[in-house]
Amino acid sequence: MTVFKEYITRNMRWLVWFPRYLIAIKDTLSYRKSSYAQHAEETIFSGLLKDIDLSNGIYVDVGANHPTLYSNTYLFYRTNTKGVLVEPDTSL
């Protein structure tokens, strides 16, 4: 099984990424949730920054893993705050 998984990972990268893209497309087209993070971390952070206009802000999410699934910054993106996602793990 490991050999098959390694073959898929090396030669058919789109099969590895395809489910992740489907999740991102679904989240983009769906209604806005109150939280996208695993434990609603972004709602806590936005509560702390409620007096600041975040629409002109920029965020950097290091170790993002996935752009929408359990994302600590996707809620900010959905409210027109722009930023950069950085994931050093190339398999993700």
PDB file of N, CA and C in Angstrom:
ATOM      1  N   MET A   1       0.823  -1.199   0.000  1.00  0.00           N
ATOM      2  CA  MET A   1       0.000   0.000   0.000  1.00  0.00           C
ATOM      3  C   MET A   1       0.862   1.256   0.000  1.00  0.00           C
ATOM      4  N   THR A   2       1.965   1.223   0.725  1.00  0.00           N
ATOM      5  CA  THR A   2       2.848   2.379   0.797  1.00  0.00           C
ATOM      6  C   THR A   2       3.447   2.703  -0.570  1.00  0.00           C
ATOM      7  N   VAL A   3       3.807   1.658  -1.332  1.00  0.00           N
ATOM      8  CA  VAL A   3       4.371   1.870  -2.660  1.00  0.00           C
ATOM      9  C   VAL A   3       3.332   2.534  -3.559  1.00  0.00           C
ATOM     10  N   PHE A   4       2.106   2.091  -3.482  1.00  0.00           N
ATOM     11  CA  PHE A   4       1.032   2.682  -4.287  1.00  0.00           C
ATOM     12  C   PHE A   4       0.815   4.149  -3.910  1.00  0.00           C
ATOM     13  N   LYS A   5       0.800   4.426  -2.619  1.00  0.00           N
ATOM     14  CA  LYS A   5       0.613   5.801  -2.150  1.00  0.00           C
ATOM     15  C   LYS A   5       1.759   6.694  -2.610  1.00  0.00           C
ATOM     16  N   GLU A   6       2.993   6.188  -2.538  1.00  0.00           N
ATOM     17  CA  GLU A   6       4.144   6.959  -3.011  1.00  0.00           C
ATOM     18  C   GLU A   6       4.064   7.205  -4.510  1.00  0.00           C
ATOM     19  N   TYR A   7       3.620   6.221  -5.277  1.00  0.00           N
ATOM     20  CA  TYR A   7       3.463   6.383  -6.722  1.00  0.00           C
ATOM     21  C   TYR A   7       2.441   7.478  -7.043  1.00  0.00           C
ATOM     22  N   ILE A   8       1.304   7.434  -6.361  1.00  0.00           N
ATOM     23  CA  ILE A   8       0.262   8.446  -6.559  1.00  0.00           C
ATOM     24  C   ILE A   8       0.795   9.831  -6.194  1.00  0.00           C
ATOM     25  N   THR A   9       1.499   9.922  -5.052  1.00  0.00           N
ATOM     26  CA  THR A   9       2.012  11.202  -4.584  1.00  0.00           C
ATOM     27  C   THR A   9       3.025  11.785  -5.563  1.00  0.00           C
ATOM     28  N   ARG A  10       3.867  10.953  -6.141  1.00  0.00           N
ATOM     29  CA  ARG A  10       4.893  11.449  -7.061  1.00  0.00           C
ATOM     30  C   ARG A  10       4.362  11.721  -8.467  1.00  0.00           C
ATOM     31  N   ASN A  11       3.547  10.835  -8.995  1.00  0.00           N
ATOM     32  CA  ASN A  11       3.179  10.895 -10.409  1.00  0.00           C
ATOM     33  C   ASN A  11       1.789  11.445 -10.696  1.00  0.00           C
ATOM     34  N   MET A  12       0.932  11.477  -9.722  1.00  0.00           N
ATOM     35  CA  MET A  12      -0.437  11.944  -9.939  1.00  0.00           C
ATOM     36  C   MET A  12      -0.807  12.925  -8.834  1.00  0.00           C
ATOM     37  N   ARG A  13      -0.054  14.033  -8.743  1.00  0.00           N
ATOM     38  CA  ARG A  13      -0.243  15.019  -7.673  1.00  0.00           C
ATOM     39  C   ARG A  13      -1.668  15.561  -7.647  1.00  0.00           C
ATOM     40  N   TRP A  14      -2.303  15.640  -8.805  1.00  0.00           N
ATOM     41  CA  TRP A  14      -3.658  16.196  -8.850  1.00  0.00           C
ATOM     42  C   TRP A  14      -4.633  15.329  -8.054  1.00  0.00           C
ATOM     43  N   LEU A  15      -4.389  14.006  -7.959  1.00  0.00           N
ATOM     44  CA  LEU A  15      -5.263  13.153  -7.154  1.00  0.00           C
ATOM     45  C   LEU A  15      -5.140  13.466  -5.661  1.00  0.00           C
ATOM     46  N   VAL A  16      -3.958  13.897  -5.258  1.00  0.00           N
ATOM     47  CA  VAL A  16      -3.750  14.273  -3.861  1.00  0.00           C
ATOM     48  C   VAL A  16      -4.424  15.613  -3.586  1.00  0.00           C
ATOM     49  N   TRP A  17      -4.308  16.567  -4.505  1.00  0.00           N
ATOM     50  CA  TRP A  17      -4.830  17.921  -4.306  1.00  0.00           C
ATOM     51  C   TRP A  17      -6.319  18.037  -4.602  1.00  0.00           C
ATOM     52  N   PHE A  18      -6.857  17.177  -5.446  1.00  0.00           N
ATOM     53  CA  PHE A  18      -8.240  17.314  -5.910  1.00  0.00           C
ATOM     54  C   PHE A  18      -9.264  17.425  -4.777  1.00  0.00           C
ATOM     55  N   PRO A  19      -9.258  16.524  -3.777  1.00  0.00           N
ATOM     56  CA  PRO A  19     -10.240  16.651  -2.683  1.00  0.00           C
ATOM     57  C   PRO A  19     -10.091  17.967  -1.918  1.00  0.00           C
ATOM     58  N   ARG A  20      -8.858  18.444  -1.774  1.00  0.00           N
ATOM     59  CA  ARG A  20      -8.622  19.699  -1.061  1.00  0.00           C
ATOM     60  C   ARG A  20      -9.213  20.867  -1.847  1.00  0.00           C
ATOM     61  N   TYR A  21      -9.071  20.847  -3.163  1.00  0.00           N
ATOM     62  CA  TYR A  21      -9.659  21.899  -3.992  1.00  0.00           C
ATOM     63  C   TYR A  21     -11.183  21.857  -3.938  1.00  0.00           C
ATOM     64  N   LEU A  22     -11.753  20.666  -3.931  1.00  0.00           N
ATOM     65  CA  LEU A  22     -13.214  20.556  -3.839  1.00  0.00           C
ATOM     66  C   LEU A  22     -13.745  21.170  -2.544  1.00  0.00           C
ATOM     67  N   ILE A  23     -13.048  20.936  -1.435  1.00  0.00           N
ATOM     68  CA  ILE A  23     -13.458  21.525  -0.164  1.00  0.00           C
ATOM     69  C   ILE A  23     -13.373  23.044  -0.231  1.00  0.00           C
ATOM     70  N   ALA A  24     -12.287  23.560  -0.805  1.00  0.00           N
ATOM     71  CA  ALA A  24     -12.121  25.017  -0.911  1.00  0.00           C
ATOM     72  C   ALA A  24     -13.200  25.635  -1.801  1.00  0.00           C
ATOM     73  N   ILE A  25     -13.540  24.984  -2.898  1.00  0.00           N
ATOM     74  CA  ILE A  25     -14.589  25.498  -3.797  1.00  0.00           C
ATOM     75  C   ILE A  25     -15.937  25.479  -3.088  1.00  0.00           C
ATOM     76  N   LYS A  26     -16.240  24.397  -2.391  1.00  0.00           N
ATOM     77  CA  LYS A  26     -17.511  24.306  -1.651  1.00  0.00           C
ATOM     78  C   LYS A  26     -17.610  25.417  -0.610  1.00  0.00           C
ATOM     79  N   ASP A  27     -16.542  25.638   0.135  1.00  0.00           N
ATOM     80  CA  ASP A  27     -16.561  26.686   1.164  1.00  0.00           C
ATOM     81  C   ASP A  27     -16.678  28.076   0.542  1.00  0.00           C
ATOM     82  N   THR A  28     -16.075  28.280  -0.607  1.00  0.00           N
ATOM     83  CA  THR A  28     -16.143  29.581  -1.273  1.00  0.00           C
ATOM     84  C   THR A  28     -17.555  29.873  -1.772  1.00  0.00           C
ATOM     85  N   LEU A  29     -18.232  28.864  -2.281  1.00  0.00           N
ATOM     86  CA  LEU A  29     -19.560  29.069  -2.865  1.00  0.00           C
ATOM     87  C   LEU A  29     -20.689  28.999  -1.829  1.00  0.00           C
ATOM     88  N   SER A  30     -20.403  28.492  -0.640  1.00  0.00           N
ATOM     89  CA  SER A  30     -21.447  28.349   0.365  1.00  0.00           C
ATOM     90  C   SER A  30     -21.652  29.647   1.144  1.00  0.00           C
ATOM     91  N   TYR A  31     -22.675  29.672   1.963  1.00  0.00           N
ATOM     92  CA  TYR A  31     -22.949  30.837   2.787  1.00  0.00           C
ATOM     93  C   TYR A  31     -21.807  31.033   3.789  1.00  0.00           C
ATOM     94  N   ARG A  32     -21.686  32.229   4.308  1.00  0.00           N
ATOM     95  CA  ARG A  32     -20.626  32.541   5.254  1.00  0.00           C
ATOM     96  C   ARG A  32     -20.938  31.948   6.618  1.00  0.00           C
ATOM     97  N   LYS A  33     -20.024  31.161   7.139  1.00  0.00           N
ATOM     98  CA  LYS A  33     -20.167  30.581   8.472  1.00  0.00           C
ATOM     99  C   LYS A  33     -19.716  31.595   9.514  1.00  0.00           C
ATOM    100  N   SER A  34     -20.055  31.359  10.758  1.00  0.00           N
ATOM    101  CA  SER A  34     -19.586  32.243  11.825  1.00  0.00           C
ATOM    102  C   SER A  34     -18.134  31.949  12.176  1.00  0.00           C
ATOM    103  N   SER A  35     -17.650  30.746  11.851  1.00  0.00           N
ATOM    104  CA  SER A  35     -16.260  30.384  12.114  1.00  0.00           C
ATOM    105  C   SER A  35     -15.829  29.273  11.172  1.00  0.00           C
ATOM    106  N   TYR A  36     -14.583  29.352  10.712  1.00  0.00           N
ATOM    107  CA  TYR A  36     -14.000  28.293   9.883  1.00  0.00           C
ATOM    108  C   TYR A  36     -12.888  27.560  10.621  1.00  0.00           C
ATOM    109  N   ALA A  37     -12.417  28.123  11.718  1.00  0.00           N
ATOM    110  CA  ALA A  37     -11.326  27.521  12.483  1.00  0.00           C
ATOM    111  C   ALA A  37     -11.839  26.333  13.289  1.00  0.00           C
ATOM    112  N   GLN A  38     -10.916  25.531  13.754  1.00  0.00           N
ATOM    113  CA  GLN A  38     -11.287  24.321  14.479  1.00  0.00           C
ATOM    114  C   GLN A  38     -11.963  24.651  15.809  1.00  0.00           C
ATOM    115  N   HIS A  39     -11.475  25.668  16.501  1.00  0.00           N
ATOM    116  CA  HIS A  39     -12.041  26.032  17.797  1.00  0.00           C
ATOM    117  C   HIS A  39     -12.456  27.501  17.837  1.00  0.00           C
ATOM    118  N   ALA A  40     -12.828  28.061  16.710  1.00  0.00           N
ATOM    119  CA  ALA A  40     -13.317  29.443  16.584  1.00  0.00           C
ATOM    120  C   ALA A  40     -12.294  30.479  17.036  1.00  0.00           C
ATOM    121  N   GLU A  41     -11.020  30.213  16.761  1.00  0.00           N
ATOM    122  CA  GLU A  41      -9.975  31.135  17.166  1.00  0.00           C
ATOM    123  C   GLU A  41     -10.115  32.491  16.494  1.00  0.00           C
ATOM    124  N   GLU A  42     -10.517  32.495  15.218  1.00  0.00           N
ATOM    125  CA  GLU A  42     -10.598  33.775  14.508  1.00  0.00           C
ATOM    126  C   GLU A  42     -11.713  34.665  15.048  1.00  0.00           C
ATOM    127  N   THR A  43     -12.749  34.092  15.611  1.00  0.00           N
ATOM    128  CA  THR A  43     -13.808  34.919  16.190  1.00  0.00           C
ATOM    129  C   THR A  43     -13.328  35.597  17.472  1.00  0.00           C
ATOM    130  N   ILE A  44     -12.499  34.912  18.217  1.00  0.00           N
ATOM    131  CA  ILE A  44     -11.909  35.513  19.417  1.00  0.00           C
ATOM    132  C   ILE A  44     -11.002  36.668  19.021  1.00  0.00           C
ATOM    133  N   PHE A  45     -10.174  36.432  18.020  1.00  0.00           N
ATOM    134  CA  PHE A  45      -9.237  37.457  17.564  1.00  0.00           C
ATOM    135  C   PHE A  45      -9.973  38.658  16.967  1.00  0.00           C
ATOM    136  N   SER A  46     -11.011  38.395  16.176  1.00  0.00           N
ATOM    137  CA  SER A  46     -11.759  39.516  15.600  1.00  0.00           C
ATOM    138  C   SER A  46     -12.519  40.282  16.676  1.00  0.00           C
ATOM    139  N   GLY A  47     -12.911  39.613  17.751  1.00  0.00           N
ATOM    140  CA  GLY A  47     -13.542  40.299  18.876  1.00  0.00           C
ATOM    141  C   GLY A  47     -12.580  41.254  19.557  1.00  0.00           C
ATOM    142  N   LEU A  48     -11.317  40.849  19.652  1.00  0.00           N
ATOM    143  CA  LEU A  48     -10.306  41.723  20.229  1.00  0.00           C
ATOM    144  C   LEU A  48     -10.027  42.936  19.341  1.00  0.00           C
ATOM    145  N   LEU A  49     -10.211  42.753  18.025  1.00  0.00           N
ATOM    146  CA  LEU A  49      -9.928  43.829  17.069  1.00  0.00           C
ATOM    147  C   LEU A  49     -11.199  44.493  16.537  1.00  0.00           C
ATOM    148  N   LYS A  50     -12.311  44.400  17.259  1.00  0.00           N
ATOM    149  CA  LYS A  50     -13.599  44.879  16.742  1.00  0.00           C
ATOM    150  C   LYS A  50     -13.625  46.372  16.461  1.00  0.00           C
ATOM    151  N   ASP A  51     -12.788  47.152  17.137  1.00  0.00           N
ATOM    152  CA  ASP A  51     -12.774  48.598  16.918  1.00  0.00           C
ATOM    153  C   ASP A  51     -11.872  49.017  15.761  1.00  0.00           C
ATOM    154  N   ILE A  52     -11.188  48.060  15.161  1.00  0.00           N
ATOM    155  CA  ILE A  52     -10.270  48.351  14.053  1.00  0.00           C
ATOM    156  C   ILE A  52     -10.909  47.897  12.751  1.00  0.00           C
ATOM    157  N   ASP A  53     -10.835  48.732  11.715  1.00  0.00           N
ATOM    158  CA  ASP A  53     -11.353  48.377  10.394  1.00  0.00           C
ATOM    159  C   ASP A  53     -10.385  47.389   9.737  1.00  0.00           C
ATOM    160  N   LEU A  54     -10.780  46.127   9.641  1.00  0.00           N
ATOM    161  CA  LEU A  54      -9.914  45.094   9.085  1.00  0.00           C
ATOM    162  C   LEU A  54     -10.019  44.969   7.572  1.00  0.00           C
ATOM    163  N   SER A  55     -10.898  45.728   6.935  1.00  0.00           N
ATOM    164  CA  SER A  55     -11.069  45.588   5.492  1.00  0.00           C
ATOM    165  C   SER A  55      -9.837  46.043   4.723  1.00  0.00           C
ATOM    166  N   ASN A  56      -9.007  46.891   5.303  1.00  0.00           N
ATOM    167  CA  ASN A  56      -7.773  47.320   4.644  1.00  0.00           C
ATOM    168  C   ASN A  56      -6.547  46.622   5.215  1.00  0.00           C
ATOM    169  N   GLY A  57      -6.750  45.619   6.048  1.00  0.00           N
ATOM    170  CA  GLY A  57      -5.642  44.926   6.695  1.00  0.00           C
ATOM    171  C   GLY A  57      -5.062  43.824   5.842  1.00  0.00           C
ATOM    172  N   ILE A  58      -3.933  43.332   6.284  1.00  0.00           N
ATOM    173  CA  ILE A  58      -3.249  42.218   5.625  1.00  0.00           C
ATOM    174  C   ILE A  58      -2.888  41.206   6.704  1.00  0.00           C
ATOM    175  N   TYR A  59      -3.099  39.921   6.424  1.00  0.00           N
ATOM    176  CA  TYR A  59      -2.713  38.877   7.362  1.00  0.00           C
ATOM    177  C   TYR A  59      -1.750  37.916   6.693  1.00  0.00           C
ATOM    178  N   VAL A  60      -0.944  37.244   7.503  1.00  0.00           N
ATOM    179  CA  VAL A  60      -0.046  36.189   7.041  1.00  0.00           C
ATOM    180  C   VAL A  60      -0.336  34.971   7.904  1.00  0.00           C
ATOM    181  N   ASP A  61      -0.753  33.895   7.271  1.00  0.00           N
ATOM    182  CA  ASP A  61      -1.063  32.647   7.976  1.00  0.00           C
ATOM    183  C   ASP A  61       0.038  31.641   7.665  1.00  0.00           C
ATOM    184  N   VAL A  62       0.955  31.449   8.598  1.00  0.00           N
ATOM    185  CA  VAL A  62       2.067  30.523   8.413  1.00  0.00           C
ATOM    186  C   VAL A  62       1.645  29.162   8.968  1.00  0.00           C
ATOM    187  N   GLY A  63       1.821  28.130   8.147  1.00  0.00           N
ATOM    188  CA  GLY A  63       1.370  26.794   8.525  1.00  0.00           C
ATOM    189  C   GLY A  63      -0.113  26.643   8.271  1.00  0.00           C
ATOM    190  N   ALA A  64      -0.565  27.171   7.149  1.00  0.00           N
ATOM    191  CA  ALA A  64      -1.989  27.259   6.843  1.00  0.00           C
ATOM    192  C   ALA A  64      -2.644  25.904   6.592  1.00  0.00           C
ATOM    193  N   ASN A  65      -1.921  24.937   6.069  1.00  0.00           N
ATOM    194  CA  ASN A  65      -2.417  23.608   5.749  1.00  0.00           C
ATOM    195  C   ASN A  65      -3.446  23.656   4.622  1.00  0.00           C
ATOM    196  N   HIS A  66      -4.616  24.186   4.838  1.00  0.00           N
ATOM    197  CA  HIS A  66      -5.678  24.248   3.829  1.00  0.00           C
ATOM    198  C   HIS A  66      -6.270  25.648   3.841  1.00  0.00           C
ATOM    199  N   PRO A  67      -6.614  26.190   2.679  1.00  0.00           N
ATOM    200  CA  PRO A  67      -7.104  27.576   2.647  1.00  0.00           C
ATOM    201  C   PRO A  67      -8.457  27.802   3.320  1.00  0.00           C
ATOM    202  N   THR A  68      -9.291  26.773   3.434  1.00  0.00           N
ATOM    203  CA  THR A  68     -10.601  26.986   4.055  1.00  0.00           C
ATOM    204  C   THR A  68     -10.908  26.026   5.192  1.00  0.00           C
ATOM    205  N   LEU A  69     -10.471  24.797   5.099  1.00  0.00           N
ATOM    206  CA  LEU A  69     -10.795  23.779   6.097  1.00  0.00           C
ATOM    207  C   LEU A  69     -10.002  24.029   7.377  1.00  0.00           C
ATOM    208  N   TYR A  70     -10.688  24.260   8.480  1.00  0.00           N
ATOM    209  CA  TYR A  70     -10.066  24.571   9.774  1.00  0.00           C
ATOM    210  C   TYR A  70      -9.109  25.753   9.670  1.00  0.00           C
ATOM    211  N   SER A  71      -9.477  26.747   8.903  1.00  0.00           N
ATOM    212  CA  SER A  71      -8.612  27.900   8.667  1.00  0.00           C
ATOM    213  C   SER A  71      -8.819  28.969   9.729  1.00  0.00           C
ATOM    214  N   ASN A  72      -7.724  29.490  10.252  1.00  0.00           N
ATOM    215  CA  ASN A  72      -7.789  30.568  11.226  1.00  0.00           C
ATOM    216  C   ASN A  72      -7.962  31.931  10.571  1.00  0.00           C
ATOM    217  N   THR A  73      -7.837  32.009   9.246  1.00  0.00           N
ATOM    218  CA  THR A  73      -7.891  33.302   8.570  1.00  0.00           C
ATOM    219  C   THR A  73      -8.958  33.399   7.477  1.00  0.00           C
ATOM    220  N   TYR A  74      -9.623  32.309   7.140  1.00  0.00           N
ATOM    221  CA  TYR A  74     -10.588  32.352   6.035  1.00  0.00           C
ATOM    222  C   TYR A  74     -11.772  33.270   6.332  1.00  0.00           C
ATOM    223  N   LEU A  75     -12.184  33.382   7.570  1.00  0.00           N
ATOM    224  CA  LEU A  75     -13.263  34.305   7.920  1.00  0.00           C
ATOM    225  C   LEU A  75     -12.860  35.743   7.615  1.00  0.00           C
ATOM    226  N   PHE A  76     -11.598  36.091   7.873  1.00  0.00           N
ATOM    227  CA  PHE A  76     -11.110  37.426   7.539  1.00  0.00           C
ATOM    228  C   PHE A  76     -11.133  37.644   6.027  1.00  0.00           C
ATOM    229  N   TYR A  77     -10.744  36.610   5.272  1.00  0.00           N
ATOM    230  CA  TYR A  77     -10.787  36.703   3.808  1.00  0.00           C
ATOM    231  C   TYR A  77     -12.222  36.930   3.321  1.00  0.00           C
ATOM    232  N   ARG A  78     -13.173  36.218   3.906  1.00  0.00           N
ATOM    233  CA  ARG A  78     -14.576  36.368   3.501  1.00  0.00           C
ATOM    234  C   ARG A  78     -15.131  37.751   3.840  1.00  0.00           C
ATOM    235  N   THR A  79     -14.461  38.476   4.747  1.00  0.00           N
ATOM    236  CA  THR A  79     -14.899  39.830   5.082  1.00  0.00           C
ATOM    237  C   THR A  79     -13.993  40.872   4.427  1.00  0.00           C
ATOM    238  N   ASN A  80     -13.393  40.506   3.291  1.00  0.00           N
ATOM    239  CA  ASN A  80     -12.585  41.390   2.437  1.00  0.00           C
ATOM    240  C   ASN A  80     -11.243  41.809   3.013  1.00  0.00           C
ATOM    241  N   THR A  81     -10.742  41.149   4.019  1.00  0.00           N
ATOM    242  CA  THR A  81      -9.377  41.363   4.470  1.00  0.00           C
ATOM    243  C   THR A  81      -8.493  40.458   3.620  1.00  0.00           C
ATOM    244  N   LYS A  82      -7.416  40.977   3.105  1.00  0.00           N
ATOM    245  CA  LYS A  82      -6.537  40.210   2.216  1.00  0.00           C
ATOM    246  C   LYS A  82      -5.330  39.697   2.971  1.00  0.00           C
ATOM    247  N   GLY A  83      -4.751  38.616   2.486  1.00  0.00           N
ATOM    248  CA  GLY A  83      -3.590  38.066   3.155  1.00  0.00           C
ATOM    249  C   GLY A  83      -2.901  36.994   2.337  1.00  0.00           C
ATOM    250  N   VAL A  84      -1.936  36.368   2.975  1.00  0.00           N
ATOM    251  CA  VAL A  84      -1.107  35.348   2.338  1.00  0.00           C
ATOM    252  C   VAL A  84      -1.123  34.099   3.209  1.00  0.00           C
ATOM    253  N   LEU A  85      -1.300  32.956   2.573  1.00  0.00           N
ATOM    254  CA  LEU A  85      -1.201  31.674   3.264  1.00  0.00           C
ATOM    255  C   LEU A  85       0.143  31.051   2.919  1.00  0.00           C
ATOM    256  N   VAL A  86       0.869  30.601   3.925  1.00  0.00           N
ATOM    257  CA  VAL A  86       2.172  29.989   3.729  1.00  0.00           C
ATOM    258  C   VAL A  86       2.130  28.583   4.330  1.00  0.00           C
ATOM    259  N   GLU A  87       2.486  27.584   3.534  1.00  0.00           N
ATOM    260  CA  GLU A  87       2.544  26.222   4.024  1.00  0.00           C
ATOM    261  C   GLU A  87       3.881  25.616   3.596  1.00  0.00           C
ATOM    262  N   PRO A  88       4.795  25.425   4.544  1.00  0.00           N
ATOM    263  CA  PRO A  88       6.105  24.885   4.180  1.00  0.00           C
ATOM    264  C   PRO A  88       6.090  23.407   3.813  1.00  0.00           C
ATOM    265  N   ASP A  89       5.069  22.660   4.200  1.00  0.00           N
ATOM    266  CA  ASP A  89       4.970  21.239   3.886  1.00  0.00           C
ATOM    267  C   ASP A  89       4.458  21.091   2.459  1.00  0.00           C
ATOM    268  N   THR A  90       5.319  20.680   1.535  1.00  0.00           N
ATOM    269  CA  THR A  90       4.941  20.601   0.125  1.00  0.00           C
ATOM    270  C   THR A  90       3.884  19.545  -0.165  1.00  0.00           C
ATOM    271  N   SER A  91       3.711  18.571   0.716  1.00  0.00           N
ATOM    272  CA  SER A  91       2.680  17.561   0.478  1.00  0.00           C
ATOM    273  C   SER A  91       1.282  18.123   0.710  1.00  0.00           C
ATOM    274  N   LEU A  92       1.189  19.268   1.383  1.00  0.00           N
ATOM    275  CA  LEU A  92      -0.110  19.894   1.634  1.00  0.00           C
ATOM    276  C   LEU A  92      -0.378  20.977   0.616  1.00  0.00           C
TER     277      LEU A  92
END
